[in-house]
Amino acid sequence: AEAKVSILLVDDKPGNLLALRAILEVLDLNMVE
């Protein structure tokens, strides 16, 4: 449970990826786009 969870964000619009990242950043996840 101590390991950082990785999630993959997939979208062809950079604005959508930016919005997802902004919403999820409080969760301290490893986000890959």
Full PDB file with SEQRES, HELIX, SHEET, SSBOND, CRYST1, ORIGX, SCALE, CONECT and MASTER records, all heavy atoms in Angstrom:
SEQRES   1 A   33  ALA GLU ALA LYS VAL SER ILE LEU LEU VAL ASP ASP LYS          
SEQRES   2 A   33  PRO GLY ASN LEU LEU ALA LEU ARG ALA ILE LEU GLU VAL          
SEQRES   3 A   33  LEU ASP LEU ASN MET VAL GLU                                  
HELIX    1 AA1 PRO A   14  LEU A   24  1                                  11    
HELIX    2 AA2 GLU A   25  LEU A   27  5                                   3    
SHEET    1 AA1 2 SER A   6  LEU A   8  0                                        
SHEET    2 AA1 2 ASN A  30  VAL A  32  1                                        
CRYST1    1.000    1.000    1.000  90.00  90.00  90.00 P 1           1          
ORIGX1      1.000000  0.000000  0.000000        0.00000                         
ORIGX2      0.000000  1.000000  0.000000        0.00000                         
ORIGX3      0.000000  0.000000  1.000000        0.00000                         
SCALE1      1.000000  0.000000  0.000000        0.00000                         
SCALE2      0.000000  1.000000  0.000000        0.00000                         
SCALE3      0.000000  0.000000  1.000000        0.00000                         
ATOM      1  N   ALA A   1       0.820  -1.207   0.000  1.00  0.00           N  
ATOM      2  CA  ALA A   1       0.000   0.000   0.000  1.00  0.00           C  
ATOM      3  C   ALA A   1       0.858   1.264   0.000  1.00  0.00           C  
ATOM      4  O   ALA A   1       0.366   2.342  -0.276  1.00  0.00           O  
ATOM      5  CB  ALA A   1      -0.933  -0.002   1.202  1.00  0.00           C  
ATOM      6  N   GLU A   2       2.127   1.129   0.314  1.00  0.00           N  
ATOM      7  CA  GLU A   2       3.027   2.278   0.349  1.00  0.00           C  
ATOM      8  C   GLU A   2       3.501   2.678  -1.049  1.00  0.00           C  
ATOM      9  O   GLU A   2       3.972   3.785  -1.245  1.00  0.00           O  
ATOM     10  CB  GLU A   2       4.235   1.967   1.236  1.00  0.00           C  
ATOM     11  CG  GLU A   2       3.874   1.667   2.678  1.00  0.00           C  
ATOM     12  CD  GLU A   2       3.203   2.832   3.386  1.00  0.00           C  
ATOM     13  OE1 GLU A   2       3.616   3.979   3.156  1.00  0.00           O  
ATOM     14  OE2 GLU A   2       2.274   2.592   4.169  1.00  0.00           O  
ATOM     15  N   ALA A   3       3.399   1.785  -2.008  1.00  0.00           N  
ATOM     16  CA  ALA A   3       3.852   2.078  -3.363  1.00  0.00           C  
ATOM     17  C   ALA A   3       2.920   3.093  -4.023  1.00  0.00           C  
ATOM     18  O   ALA A   3       1.717   3.094  -3.791  1.00  0.00           O  
ATOM     19  CB  ALA A   3       3.897   0.799  -4.198  1.00  0.00           C  
ATOM     20  N   LYS A   4       3.489   3.949  -4.839  1.00  0.00           N  
ATOM     21  CA  LYS A   4       2.706   4.953  -5.547  1.00  0.00           C  
ATOM     22  C   LYS A   4       1.948   4.279  -6.685  1.00  0.00           C  
ATOM     23  O   LYS A   4       2.525   3.539  -7.474  1.00  0.00           O  
ATOM     24  CB  LYS A   4       3.646   6.017  -6.104  1.00  0.00           C  
ATOM     25  CG  LYS A   4       3.047   7.380  -6.148  1.00  0.00           C  
ATOM     26  CD  LYS A   4       4.097   8.384  -6.566  1.00  0.00           C  
ATOM     27  CE  LYS A   4       3.746   9.717  -6.005  1.00  0.00           C  
ATOM     28  NZ  LYS A   4       4.599  10.773  -6.494  1.00  0.00           N  
ATOM     29  N   VAL A   5       0.655   4.522  -6.770  1.00  0.00           N  
ATOM     30  CA  VAL A   5      -0.194   3.927  -7.794  1.00  0.00           C  
ATOM     31  C   VAL A   5       0.016   4.663  -9.115  1.00  0.00           C  
ATOM     32  O   VAL A   5       0.074   5.889  -9.146  1.00  0.00           O  
ATOM     33  CB  VAL A   5      -1.680   4.016  -7.372  1.00  0.00           C  
ATOM     34  CG1 VAL A   5      -2.593   3.551  -8.479  1.00  0.00           C  
ATOM     35  CG2 VAL A   5      -1.907   3.208  -6.109  1.00  0.00           C  
ATOM     36  N   SER A   6       0.121   3.905 -10.196  1.00  0.00           N  
ATOM     37  CA  SER A   6       0.270   4.490 -11.526  1.00  0.00           C  
ATOM     38  C   SER A   6      -1.057   4.448 -12.269  1.00  0.00           C  
ATOM     39  O   SER A   6      -1.743   3.424 -12.263  1.00  0.00           O  
ATOM     40  CB  SER A   6       1.308   3.714 -12.338  1.00  0.00           C  
ATOM     41  OG  SER A   6       2.581   3.878 -11.781  1.00  0.00           O  
ATOM     42  N   ILE A   7      -1.395   5.577 -12.881  1.00  0.00           N  
ATOM     43  CA  ILE A   7      -2.580   5.621 -13.729  1.00  0.00           C  
ATOM     44  C   ILE A   7      -2.186   6.201 -15.083  1.00  0.00           C  
ATOM     45  O   ILE A   7      -1.264   7.005 -15.181  1.00  0.00           O  
ATOM     46  CB  ILE A   7      -3.739   6.422 -13.097  1.00  0.00           C  
ATOM     47  CG1 ILE A   7      -3.378   7.893 -12.939  1.00  0.00           C  
ATOM     48  CG2 ILE A   7      -4.148   5.836 -11.772  1.00  0.00           C  
ATOM     49  CD1 ILE A   7      -4.567   8.755 -12.563  1.00  0.00           C  
ATOM     50  N   LEU A   8      -2.886   5.752 -16.103  1.00  0.00           N  
ATOM     51  CA  LEU A   8      -2.626   6.211 -17.466  1.00  0.00           C  
ATOM     52  C   LEU A   8      -3.771   7.109 -17.907  1.00  0.00           C  
ATOM     53  O   LEU A   8      -4.936   6.716 -17.861  1.00  0.00           O  
ATOM     54  CB  LEU A   8      -2.503   5.008 -18.408  1.00  0.00           C  
ATOM     55  CG  LEU A   8      -2.260   5.305 -19.883  1.00  0.00           C  
ATOM     56  CD1 LEU A   8      -0.978   6.096 -20.093  1.00  0.00           C  
ATOM     57  CD2 LEU A   8      -2.219   4.005 -20.672  1.00  0.00           C  
ATOM     58  N   LEU A   9      -3.435   8.323 -18.295  1.00  0.00           N  
ATOM     59  CA  LEU A   9      -4.412   9.289 -18.798  1.00  0.00           C  
ATOM     60  C   LEU A   9      -4.291   9.322 -20.314  1.00  0.00           C  
ATOM     61  O   LEU A   9      -3.215   9.594 -20.837  1.00  0.00           O  
ATOM     62  CB  LEU A   9      -4.132  10.682 -18.229  1.00  0.00           C  
ATOM     63  CG  LEU A   9      -3.946  10.781 -16.712  1.00  0.00           C  
ATOM     64  CD1 LEU A   9      -3.548  12.192 -16.320  1.00  0.00           C  
ATOM     65  CD2 LEU A   9      -5.192  10.344 -16.001  1.00  0.00           C  
ATOM     66  N   VAL A  10      -5.393   9.044 -21.014  1.00  0.00           N  
ATOM     67  CA  VAL A  10      -5.355   8.982 -22.470  1.00  0.00           C  
ATOM     68  C   VAL A  10      -6.367   9.952 -23.059  1.00  0.00           C  
ATOM     69  O   VAL A  10      -7.558   9.876 -22.765  1.00  0.00           O  
ATOM     70  CB  VAL A  10      -5.680   7.550 -22.981  1.00  0.00           C  
ATOM     71  CG1 VAL A  10      -5.531   7.478 -24.490  1.00  0.00           C  
ATOM     72  CG2 VAL A  10      -4.813   6.510 -22.296  1.00  0.00           C  
ATOM     73  N   ASP A  11      -5.889  10.880 -23.871  1.00  0.00           N  
ATOM     74  CA  ASP A  11      -6.769  11.812 -24.579  1.00  0.00           C  
ATOM     75  C   ASP A  11      -5.967  12.484 -25.678  1.00  0.00           C  
ATOM     76  O   ASP A  11      -4.781  12.749 -25.508  1.00  0.00           O  
ATOM     77  CB  ASP A  11      -7.335  12.857 -23.623  1.00  0.00           C  
ATOM     78  CG  ASP A  11      -8.642  13.464 -24.135  1.00  0.00           C  
ATOM     79  OD1 ASP A  11      -8.636  14.001 -25.259  1.00  0.00           O  
ATOM     80  OD2 ASP A  11      -9.646  13.378 -23.425  1.00  0.00           O  
ATOM     81  N   ASP A  12      -6.606  12.757 -26.798  1.00  0.00           N  
ATOM     82  CA  ASP A  12      -5.904  13.409 -27.901  1.00  0.00           C  
ATOM     83  C   ASP A  12      -5.929  14.932 -27.784  1.00  0.00           C  
ATOM     84  O   ASP A  12      -5.304  15.624 -28.578  1.00  0.00           O  
ATOM     85  CB  ASP A  12      -6.467  12.968 -29.252  1.00  0.00           C  
ATOM     86  CG  ASP A  12      -7.942  13.280 -29.421  1.00  0.00           C  
ATOM     87  OD1 ASP A  12      -8.602  13.618 -28.429  1.00  0.00           O  
ATOM     88  OD2 ASP A  12      -8.436  13.178 -30.556  1.00  0.00           O  
ATOM     89  N   LYS A  13      -6.612  15.448 -26.774  1.00  0.00           N  
ATOM     90  CA  LYS A  13      -6.678  16.896 -26.558  1.00  0.00           C  
ATOM     91  C   LYS A  13      -5.863  17.267 -25.321  1.00  0.00           C  
ATOM     92  O   LYS A  13      -6.202  16.856 -24.206  1.00  0.00           O  
ATOM     93  CB  LYS A  13      -8.125  17.347 -26.392  1.00  0.00           C  
ATOM     94  CG  LYS A  13      -8.942  17.109 -27.649  1.00  0.00           C  
ATOM     95  CD  LYS A  13     -10.375  17.540 -27.472  1.00  0.00           C  
ATOM     96  CE  LYS A  13     -11.123  17.226 -28.765  1.00  0.00           C  
ATOM     97  NZ  LYS A  13     -12.563  17.299 -28.599  1.00  0.00           N  
ATOM     98  N   PRO A  14      -4.802  18.046 -25.508  1.00  0.00           N  
ATOM     99  CA  PRO A  14      -3.947  18.406 -24.374  1.00  0.00           C  
ATOM    100  C   PRO A  14      -4.703  19.086 -23.229  1.00  0.00           C  
ATOM    101  O   PRO A  14      -4.373  18.875 -22.058  1.00  0.00           O  
ATOM    102  CB  PRO A  14      -2.934  19.373 -24.992  1.00  0.00           C  
ATOM    103  CG  PRO A  14      -2.920  19.030 -26.454  1.00  0.00           C  
ATOM    104  CD  PRO A  14      -4.310  18.570 -26.772  1.00  0.00           C  
ATOM    105  N   GLY A  15      -5.727  19.859 -23.533  1.00  0.00           N  
ATOM    106  CA  GLY A  15      -6.511  20.524 -22.488  1.00  0.00           C  
ATOM    107  C   GLY A  15      -7.210  19.534 -21.578  1.00  0.00           C  
ATOM    108  O   GLY A  15      -7.333  19.771 -20.369  1.00  0.00           O  
ATOM    109  N   ASN A  16      -7.692  18.440 -22.138  1.00  0.00           N  
ATOM    110  CA  ASN A  16      -8.349  17.408 -21.326  1.00  0.00           C  
ATOM    111  C   ASN A  16      -7.346  16.722 -20.402  1.00  0.00           C  
ATOM    112  O   ASN A  16      -7.658  16.417 -19.245  1.00  0.00           O  
ATOM    113  CB  ASN A  16      -9.040  16.385 -22.212  1.00  0.00           C  
ATOM    114  CG  ASN A  16     -10.244  16.942 -22.929  1.00  0.00           C  
ATOM    115  OD1 ASN A  16     -10.752  18.004 -22.592  1.00  0.00           O  
ATOM    116  ND2 ASN A  16     -10.699  16.244 -23.948  1.00  0.00           N  
ATOM    117  N   LEU A  17      -6.144  16.462 -20.914  1.00  0.00           N  
ATOM    118  CA  LEU A  17      -5.105  15.852 -20.081  1.00  0.00           C  
ATOM    119  C   LEU A  17      -4.720  16.793 -18.944  1.00  0.00           C  
ATOM    120  O   LEU A  17      -4.533  16.351 -17.807  1.00  0.00           O  
ATOM    121  CB  LEU A  17      -3.875  15.506 -20.922  1.00  0.00           C  
ATOM    122  CG  LEU A  17      -4.053  14.361 -21.912  1.00  0.00           C  
ATOM    123  CD1 LEU A  17      -2.826  14.250 -22.813  1.00  0.00           C  
ATOM    124  CD2 LEU A  17      -4.297  13.050 -21.192  1.00  0.00           C  
ATOM    125  N   LEU A  18      -4.628  18.067 -19.242  1.00  0.00           N  
ATOM    126  CA  LEU A  18      -4.303  19.063 -18.227  1.00  0.00           C  
ATOM    127  C   LEU A  18      -5.381  19.104 -17.140  1.00  0.00           C  
ATOM    128  O   LEU A  18      -5.080  19.148 -15.946  1.00  0.00           O  
ATOM    129  CB  LEU A  18      -4.146  20.442 -18.876  1.00  0.00           C  
ATOM    130  CG  LEU A  18      -3.778  21.587 -17.951  1.00  0.00           C  
ATOM    131  CD1 LEU A  18      -2.397  21.371 -17.351  1.00  0.00           C  
ATOM    132  CD2 LEU A  18      -3.823  22.900 -18.711  1.00  0.00           C  
ATOM    133  N   ALA A  19      -6.643  19.050 -17.545  1.00  0.00           N  
ATOM    134  CA  ALA A  19      -7.753  19.066 -16.591  1.00  0.00           C  
ATOM    135  C   ALA A  19      -7.736  17.816 -15.700  1.00  0.00           C  
ATOM    136  O   ALA A  19      -7.907  17.913 -14.481  1.00  0.00           O  
ATOM    137  CB  ALA A  19      -9.086  19.171 -17.329  1.00  0.00           C  
ATOM    138  N   LEU A  20      -7.520  16.645 -16.304  1.00  0.00           N  
ATOM    139  CA  LEU A  20      -7.449  15.407 -15.520  1.00  0.00           C  
ATOM    140  C   LEU A  20      -6.314  15.471 -14.510  1.00  0.00           C  
ATOM    141  O   LEU A  20      -6.469  15.112 -13.345  1.00  0.00           O  
ATOM    142  CB  LEU A  20      -7.248  14.198 -16.436  1.00  0.00           C  
ATOM    143  CG  LEU A  20      -8.469  13.692 -17.178  1.00  0.00           C  
ATOM    144  CD1 LEU A  20      -8.060  12.643 -18.207  1.00  0.00           C  
ATOM    145  CD2 LEU A  20      -9.481  13.114 -16.208  1.00  0.00           C  
ATOM    146  N   ARG A  21      -5.164  15.937 -14.964  1.00  0.00           N  
ATOM    147  CA  ARG A  21      -4.000  16.032 -14.086  1.00  0.00           C  
ATOM    148  C   ARG A  21      -4.277  16.993 -12.919  1.00  0.00           C  
ATOM    149  O   ARG A  21      -3.948  16.702 -11.771  1.00  0.00           O  
ATOM    150  CB  ARG A  21      -2.781  16.493 -14.882  1.00  0.00           C  
ATOM    151  CG  ARG A  21      -1.497  16.432 -14.102  1.00  0.00           C  
ATOM    152  CD  ARG A  21      -0.309  16.760 -14.982  1.00  0.00           C  
ATOM    153  NE  ARG A  21       0.135  15.632 -15.773  1.00  0.00           N  
ATOM    154  CZ  ARG A  21       0.887  14.641 -15.289  1.00  0.00           C  
ATOM    155  NH1 ARG A  21       1.262  14.647 -14.044  1.00  0.00           N  
ATOM    156  NH2 ARG A  21       1.267  13.652 -16.073  1.00  0.00           N  
ATOM    157  N   ALA A  22      -4.929  18.113 -13.208  1.00  0.00           N  
ATOM    158  CA  ALA A  22      -5.241  19.096 -12.166  1.00  0.00           C  
ATOM    159  C   ALA A  22      -6.198  18.522 -11.124  1.00  0.00           C  
ATOM    160  O   ALA A  22      -6.040  18.755  -9.925  1.00  0.00           O  
ATOM    161  CB  ALA A  22      -5.837  20.348 -12.802  1.00  0.00           C  
ATOM    162  N   ILE A  23      -7.173  17.751 -11.572  1.00  0.00           N  
ATOM    163  CA  ILE A  23      -8.150  17.154 -10.649  1.00  0.00           C  
ATOM    164  C   ILE A  23      -7.509  16.078  -9.773  1.00  0.00           C  
ATOM    165  O   ILE A  23      -7.805  15.973  -8.585  1.00  0.00           O  
ATOM    166  CB  ILE A  23      -9.331  16.552 -11.441  1.00  0.00           C  
ATOM    167  CG1 ILE A  23     -10.146  17.672 -12.086  1.00  0.00           C  
ATOM    168  CG2 ILE A  23     -10.210  15.685 -10.555  1.00  0.00           C  
ATOM    169  CD1 ILE A  23     -11.119  17.186 -13.137  1.00  0.00           C  
ATOM    170  N   LEU A  24      -6.621  15.287 -10.363  1.00  0.00           N  
ATOM    171  CA  LEU A  24      -6.061  14.126  -9.673  1.00  0.00           C  
ATOM    172  C   LEU A  24      -4.775  14.403  -8.897  1.00  0.00           C  
ATOM    173  O   LEU A  24      -4.321  13.546  -8.147  1.00  0.00           O  
ATOM    174  CB  LEU A  24      -5.807  13.003 -10.684  1.00  0.00           C  
ATOM    175  CG  LEU A  24      -7.046  12.479 -11.396  1.00  0.00           C  
ATOM    176  CD1 LEU A  24      -6.653  11.550 -12.531  1.00  0.00           C  
ATOM    177  CD2 LEU A  24      -7.972  11.786 -10.421  1.00  0.00           C  
ATOM    178  N   GLU A  25      -4.174  15.588  -9.053  1.00  0.00           N  
ATOM    179  CA  GLU A  25      -2.875  15.840  -8.448  1.00  0.00           C  
ATOM    180  C   GLU A  25      -2.891  15.748  -6.920  1.00  0.00           C  
ATOM    181  O   GLU A  25      -1.875  15.421  -6.312  1.00  0.00           O  
ATOM    182  CB  GLU A  25      -2.309  17.179  -8.904  1.00  0.00           C  
ATOM    183  CG  GLU A  25      -3.017  18.397  -8.367  1.00  0.00           C  
ATOM    184  CD  GLU A  25      -2.461  19.688  -8.940  1.00  0.00           C  
ATOM    185  OE1 GLU A  25      -1.422  19.648  -9.624  1.00  0.00           O  
ATOM    186  OE2 GLU A  25      -3.087  20.730  -8.704  1.00  0.00           O  
ATOM    187  N   VAL A  26      -4.016  15.984  -6.286  1.00  0.00           N  
ATOM    188  CA  VAL A  26      -4.091  15.907  -4.819  1.00  0.00           C  
ATOM    189  C   VAL A  26      -3.960  14.467  -4.309  1.00  0.00           C  
ATOM    190  O   VAL A  26      -3.711  14.261  -3.125  1.00  0.00           O  
ATOM    191  CB  VAL A  26      -5.396  16.526  -4.285  1.00  0.00           C  
ATOM    192  CG1 VAL A  26      -5.471  17.997  -4.613  1.00  0.00           C  
ATOM    193  CG2 VAL A  26      -6.606  15.794  -4.795  1.00  0.00           C  
ATOM    194  N   LEU A  27      -4.109  13.485  -5.187  1.00  0.00           N  
ATOM    195  CA  LEU A  27      -4.062  12.076  -4.781  1.00  0.00           C  
ATOM    196  C   LEU A  27      -2.653  11.499  -4.747  1.00  0.00           C  
ATOM    197  O   LEU A  27      -2.464  10.347  -4.371  1.00  0.00           O  
ATOM    198  CB  LEU A  27      -4.942  11.233  -5.717  1.00  0.00           C  
ATOM    199  CG  LEU A  27      -6.418  11.594  -5.717  1.00  0.00           C  
ATOM    200  CD1 LEU A  27      -7.161  10.750  -6.734  1.00  0.00           C  
ATOM    201  CD2 LEU A  27      -7.016  11.429  -4.334  1.00  0.00           C  
ATOM    202  N   ASP A  28      -1.657  12.278  -5.163  1.00  0.00           N  
ATOM    203  CA  ASP A  28      -0.259  11.840  -5.155  1.00  0.00           C  
ATOM    204  C   ASP A  28      -0.076  10.527  -5.921  1.00  0.00           C  
ATOM    205  O   ASP A  28       0.408   9.535  -5.386  1.00  0.00           O  
ATOM    206  CB  ASP A  28       0.253  11.711  -3.725  1.00  0.00           C  
ATOM    207  CG  ASP A  28       1.767  11.576  -3.674  1.00  0.00           C  
ATOM    208  OD1 ASP A  28       2.456  12.157  -4.545  1.00  0.00           O  
ATOM    209  OD2 ASP A  28       2.272  10.884  -2.774  1.00  0.00           O  
ATOM    210  N   LEU A  29      -0.507  10.525  -7.169  1.00  0.00           N  
ATOM    211  CA  LEU A  29      -0.407   9.361  -8.039  1.00  0.00           C  
ATOM    212  C   LEU A  29       0.724   9.540  -9.035  1.00  0.00           C  
ATOM    213  O   LEU A  29       1.138  10.660  -9.337  1.00  0.00           O  
ATOM    214  CB  LEU A  29      -1.716   9.180  -8.828  1.00  0.00           C  
ATOM    215  CG  LEU A  29      -2.988   9.045  -8.024  1.00  0.00           C  
ATOM    216  CD1 LEU A  29      -4.196   9.194  -8.929  1.00  0.00           C  
ATOM    217  CD2 LEU A  29      -3.017   7.717  -7.313  1.00  0.00           C  
ATOM    218  N   ASN A  30       1.201   8.444  -9.580  1.00  0.00           N  
ATOM    219  CA  ASN A  30       2.132   8.502 -10.698  1.00  0.00           C  
ATOM    220  C   ASN A  30       1.274   8.557 -11.965  1.00  0.00           C  
ATOM    221  O   ASN A  30       0.695   7.561 -12.366  1.00  0.00           O  
ATOM    222  CB  ASN A  30       3.038   7.272 -10.704  1.00  0.00           C  
ATOM    223  CG  ASN A  30       3.983   7.285 -11.878  1.00  0.00           C  
ATOM    224  OD1 ASN A  30       4.444   8.334 -12.313  1.00  0.00           O  
ATOM    225  ND2 ASN A  30       4.256   6.113 -12.415  1.00  0.00           N  
ATOM    226  N   MET A  31       1.173   9.732 -12.566  1.00  0.00           N  
ATOM    227  CA  MET A  31       0.318   9.911 -13.747  1.00  0.00           C  
ATOM    228  C   MET A  31       1.158   9.909 -15.014  1.00  0.00           C  
ATOM    229  O   MET A  31       2.117  10.663 -15.143  1.00  0.00           O  
ATOM    230  CB  MET A  31      -0.469  11.211 -13.629  1.00  0.00           C  
ATOM    231  CG  MET A  31      -1.515  11.169 -12.542  1.00  0.00           C  
ATOM    232  SD  MET A  31      -2.499  12.678 -12.457  1.00  0.00           S  
ATOM    233  CE  MET A  31      -1.506  13.651 -11.343  1.00  0.00           C  
ATOM    234  N   VAL A  32       0.774   9.035 -15.940  1.00  0.00           N  
ATOM    235  CA  VAL A  32       1.439   8.938 -17.230  1.00  0.00           C  
ATOM    236  C   VAL A  32       0.426   9.337 -18.287  1.00  0.00           C  
ATOM    237  O   VAL A  32      -0.731   8.915 -18.240  1.00  0.00           O  
ATOM    238  CB  VAL A  32       1.945   7.493 -17.481  1.00  0.00           C  
ATOM    239  CG1 VAL A  32       2.582   7.358 -18.841  1.00  0.00           C  
ATOM    240  CG2 VAL A  32       2.915   7.078 -16.379  1.00  0.00           C  
ATOM    241  N   GLU A  33       0.856  10.144 -19.254  1.00  0.00           N  
ATOM    242  CA  GLU A  33      -0.061  10.628 -20.296  1.00  0.00           C  
ATOM    243  C   GLU A  33       0.230   9.959 -21.632  1.00  0.00           C  
ATOM    244  O   GLU A  33       1.376   9.678 -21.955  1.00  0.00           O  
ATOM    245  CB  GLU A  33       0.080  12.142 -20.462  1.00  0.00           C  
ATOM    246  CG  GLU A  33      -0.343  12.921 -19.247  1.00  0.00           C  
ATOM    247  CD  GLU A  33      -0.181  14.423 -19.436  1.00  0.00           C  
ATOM    248  OE1 GLU A  33       0.215  14.862 -20.539  1.00  0.00           O  
ATOM    249  OE2 GLU A  33      -0.452  15.162 -18.477  1.00  0.00           O  
TER     250      GLU A  33                                                      
MASTER        0    0    0    2    2    0    0    6  249    1    0    3          
END                                                                             
